Amino acid sequence: MPKEVDHEARRRELADAVCRVIAREGLAGVSLRVVADEAGWSIGSMRYYFTTKDELLQFALRRVDDRIEQRLDASCVQPTLLGRAHAVIDELLPLDVQRREEALVWLAFVSRATTDAKLAPMAAEVWTRLNEVFVGLLRAAVEAGELPADLDLVREGGRLQALIDGLVVHLVSAPERVGTALAAELAHGYLDQLTAVPGRA
């Protein structure tokens, strides 16, 4: 009997190859041929799953989103809500090779989405989901008594997200000036400040 093929796993394999190409060469370096070579596939086999570059790019963004979400789900094992918030920060900052690759893919998509109507809704959706993660964690921490009850959740969630976004840019563009240790210290320090002064960072 013919071997059953896990098509979804093969699509993820291709999406991971797209991510590696983007991280190494930028969006301009992505083509069906280049990605097929990166994945070790024939171009014919690849066209069974994707027929255009746009399809590749959109699926790659979904793949990065899924990879991050899986790690965020794993952070639920923390004993406190603030502990989970700290774990989320570590998962979003590019502190290792995989997370740096994801950051480069995300930044490439953000740049492309400003002029590509097909990618813009997806980029906006990912941003919104991350914002909901930050605000939701802070809200849960307030409800658990781990943060001041009068904390402005929307404001502080937005500030934390903006801080993470800025540190991501610094870590991929000037890692020699803002290293992983300093970036983590700044991000975690901001979260710690929310508990130090009631209602303000």
Protein backbone atom coordinates (compact mmCIF):
# COMPACT_ATOMS: atom_id res chain seq x y z
CA MET A 1 0.00 0.00 0.00
CA PRO A 2 1.24 3.51 -0.74
CA LYS A 3 2.71 5.40 2.21
CA GLU A 4 0.29 7.89 3.74
CA VAL A 5 1.61 11.43 3.46
CA ASP A 6 1.11 13.98 6.25
CA HIS A 7 0.40 16.94 3.99
CA GLU A 8 0.13 19.43 6.85
CA ALA A 9 3.55 18.38 8.16
CA ARG A 10 5.01 18.84 4.69
CA ARG A 11 3.48 22.31 4.43
CA ARG A 12 5.03 23.19 7.80
CA GLU A 13 8.36 21.90 6.52
CA LEU A 14 8.11 24.23 3.55
CA ALA A 15 7.03 27.15 5.73
CA ASP A 16 10.06 26.60 7.98
CA ALA A 17 12.25 26.65 4.87
CA VAL A 18 10.66 29.96 3.85
CA CYS A 19 11.45 31.35 7.30
CA ARG A 20 15.10 30.35 7.00
CA VAL A 21 15.38 31.98 3.58
CA ILE A 22 13.73 35.20 4.80
CA ALA A 23 15.98 35.36 7.86
CA ARG A 24 19.06 34.84 5.70
CA GLU A 25 18.18 36.78 2.52
CA GLY A 26 15.09 38.87 3.25
CA LEU A 27 11.78 38.74 1.39
CA ALA A 28 13.53 39.62 -1.86
CA GLY A 29 15.38 36.32 -1.72
CA VAL A 30 12.22 34.21 -1.57
CA SER A 31 11.13 32.32 -4.67
CA LEU A 32 9.58 28.93 -5.27
CA ARG A 33 12.89 27.65 -6.62
CA VAL A 34 14.97 28.97 -3.70
CA VAL A 35 12.57 27.58 -1.12
CA ALA A 36 12.43 24.21 -2.89
CA ASP A 37 16.23 24.04 -2.79
CA GLU A 38 16.27 25.06 0.88
CA ALA A 39 13.79 22.33 1.76
CA GLY A 40 15.50 19.74 -0.43
CA TRP A 41 12.41 19.36 -2.60
CA SER A 42 11.86 19.31 -6.32
CA ILE A 43 10.06 22.34 -7.71
CA GLY A 44 7.33 20.05 -8.99
CA SER A 45 6.64 18.61 -5.54
CA MET A 46 6.55 22.08 -4.07
CA ARG A 47 3.98 23.35 -6.56
CA TYR A 48 1.60 20.68 -5.28
CA TYR A 49 1.34 22.69 -2.04
CA PHE A 50 2.01 26.27 -3.15
CA THR A 51 1.73 27.83 -6.58
CA THR A 52 2.69 31.43 -5.89
CA LYS A 53 5.18 33.36 -3.77
CA ASP A 54 2.32 35.15 -2.00
CA GLU A 55 0.93 31.82 -0.80
CA LEU A 56 4.35 30.93 0.56
CA LEU A 57 4.72 34.22 2.41
CA GLN A 58 1.26 34.11 3.96
CA PHE A 59 1.70 30.55 5.16
CA ALA A 60 5.15 31.34 6.56
CA LEU A 61 3.68 34.14 8.67
CA ARG A 62 1.06 31.72 9.97
CA ARG A 63 3.80 29.25 10.76
CA VAL A 64 5.76 31.80 12.81
CA ASP A 65 2.55 32.73 14.62
CA ASP A 66 1.88 29.05 15.39
CA ARG A 67 5.43 28.44 16.63
CA ILE A 68 5.22 31.38 19.02
CA GLU A 69 1.73 30.43 20.19
CA GLN A 70 2.87 26.89 21.00
CA ARG A 71 5.64 28.25 23.20
CA LEU A 72 3.27 30.73 24.85
CA ASP A 73 0.88 27.89 25.66
CA ALA A 74 3.76 26.03 27.30
CA SER A 75 4.38 29.05 29.55
CA CYS A 76 1.06 28.37 31.31
CA VAL A 77 2.92 26.08 33.73
CA GLN A 78 4.23 29.11 35.65
CA PRO A 79 2.87 29.22 39.24
CA THR A 80 1.84 32.90 39.04
CA LEU A 81 0.32 35.16 36.39
CA LEU A 82 3.29 37.52 36.60
CA GLY A 83 5.56 34.52 36.26
CA ARG A 84 3.79 33.65 33.04
CA ALA A 85 4.10 37.26 31.85
CA HIS A 86 7.85 37.06 32.38
CA ALA A 87 7.94 33.76 30.46
CA VAL A 88 6.00 35.33 27.58
CA ILE A 89 8.56 38.14 27.38
CA ASP A 90 11.35 35.59 27.05
CA GLU A 91 9.52 33.77 24.26
CA LEU A 92 8.95 36.94 22.24
CA LEU A 93 12.44 38.43 22.49
CA PRO A 94 14.99 37.08 19.97
CA LEU A 95 17.23 35.50 22.60
CA ASP A 96 18.35 32.52 20.51
CA VAL A 97 18.69 31.45 16.87
CA GLN A 98 15.10 30.29 16.44
CA ARG A 99 13.56 33.35 18.04
CA ARG A 100 15.88 35.61 16.06
CA GLU A 101 14.71 33.92 12.86
CA GLU A 102 11.09 34.50 13.85
CA ALA A 103 11.82 38.14 14.66
CA LEU A 104 13.44 38.69 11.27
CA VAL A 105 10.48 37.09 9.52
CA TRP A 106 8.03 39.21 11.50
CA LEU A 107 9.89 42.45 10.78
CA ALA A 108 10.14 41.57 7.09
CA PHE A 109 6.41 41.00 6.96
CA VAL A 110 5.64 44.21 8.85
CA SER A 111 7.67 46.15 6.30
CA ARG A 112 6.07 44.36 3.35
CA ALA A 113 2.56 44.69 4.80
CA THR A 114 2.73 48.49 4.59
CA THR A 115 2.54 48.24 0.80
CA ASP A 116 1.01 44.78 0.24
CA ALA A 117 -2.76 44.65 0.69
CA LYS A 118 -2.71 40.84 0.87
CA LEU A 119 -0.35 40.73 3.84
CA ALA A 120 -1.61 43.77 5.76
CA PRO A 121 -4.65 42.06 7.35
CA MET A 122 -2.52 39.14 8.54
CA ALA A 123 0.10 41.42 10.06
CA ALA A 124 -2.63 43.40 11.82
CA GLU A 125 -4.20 40.20 13.10
CA VAL A 126 -0.93 38.97 14.62
CA TRP A 127 -0.36 42.37 16.27
CA THR A 128 -3.87 42.30 17.74
CA ARG A 129 -3.45 38.78 19.09
CA LEU A 130 -0.19 39.70 20.81
CA ASN A 131 -1.80 42.81 22.28
CA GLU A 132 -4.59 40.64 23.65
CA VAL A 133 -1.98 38.36 25.22
CA PHE A 134 -0.32 41.28 27.04
CA VAL A 135 -3.55 42.91 28.18
CA GLY A 136 -5.04 39.56 29.15
CA LEU A 137 -2.03 38.62 31.28
CA LEU A 138 -2.06 41.95 33.08
CA ARG A 139 -5.82 41.70 33.65
CA ALA A 140 -5.47 38.21 35.11
CA ALA A 141 -2.61 39.38 37.34
CA VAL A 142 -4.76 42.24 38.62
CA GLU A 143 -7.67 39.88 39.32
CA ALA A 144 -5.29 37.56 41.18
CA GLY A 145 -4.04 40.44 43.33
CA GLU A 146 -0.54 40.35 41.83
CA LEU A 147 -0.83 43.86 40.34
CA PRO A 148 -2.53 47.05 41.57
CA ALA A 149 -6.29 47.06 41.06
CA ASP A 150 -6.25 50.52 39.44
CA LEU A 151 -3.76 49.57 36.73
CA ASP A 152 -4.70 50.95 33.29
CA LEU A 153 -4.65 47.62 31.47
CA VAL A 154 -4.96 48.91 27.92
CA ARG A 155 -2.30 51.56 28.43
CA GLU A 156 0.19 49.31 30.20
CA GLY A 157 -0.43 46.40 27.86
CA GLY A 158 0.26 48.70 24.92
CA ARG A 159 3.39 50.09 26.56
CA LEU A 160 4.74 46.62 27.26
CA GLN A 161 4.05 45.54 23.68
CA ALA A 162 5.75 48.67 22.34
CA LEU A 163 8.76 47.99 24.56
CA ILE A 164 9.01 44.41 23.30
CA ASP A 165 8.68 45.57 19.67
CA GLY A 166 11.43 48.14 20.16
CA LEU A 167 13.77 45.67 21.82
CA VAL A 168 13.18 43.18 19.00
CA VAL A 169 14.26 45.83 16.48
CA HIS A 170 17.36 46.69 18.53
CA LEU A 171 18.36 43.06 18.99
CA VAL A 172 18.25 42.25 15.28
CA SER A 173 19.66 45.56 14.02
CA ALA A 174 22.27 46.43 16.66
CA PRO A 175 22.94 43.32 18.77
CA GLU A 176 26.41 44.59 19.61
CA ARG A 177 24.86 47.61 21.35
CA VAL A 178 21.80 46.03 22.93
CA GLY A 179 22.60 42.45 23.85
CA THR A 180 20.17 39.77 24.93
CA ALA A 181 20.99 40.21 28.62
CA LEU A 182 20.27 43.96 28.58
CA ALA A 183 17.11 43.52 26.49
CA ALA A 184 15.75 40.92 28.89
CA GLU A 185 16.65 43.11 31.87
CA LEU A 186 14.81 46.11 30.40
CA ALA A 187 11.69 44.12 29.52
CA HIS A 188 11.46 42.26 32.81
CA GLY A 189 12.33 45.42 34.72
CA TYR A 190 9.37 47.25 33.23
CA LEU A 191 7.06 44.46 34.32
CA ASP A 192 8.55 44.52 37.81
CA GLN A 193 7.92 48.27 38.05
CA LEU A 194 4.21 47.69 37.65
CA THR A 195 4.21 46.07 41.08
CA ALA A 196 6.48 48.68 42.68
CA VAL A 197 4.30 51.79 42.24
CA PRO A 198 0.51 51.33 42.45
CA GLY A 199 -1.23 52.12 39.19
CA ARG A 200 1.76 53.32 37.22
CA ALA A 201 4.93 52.14 35.53
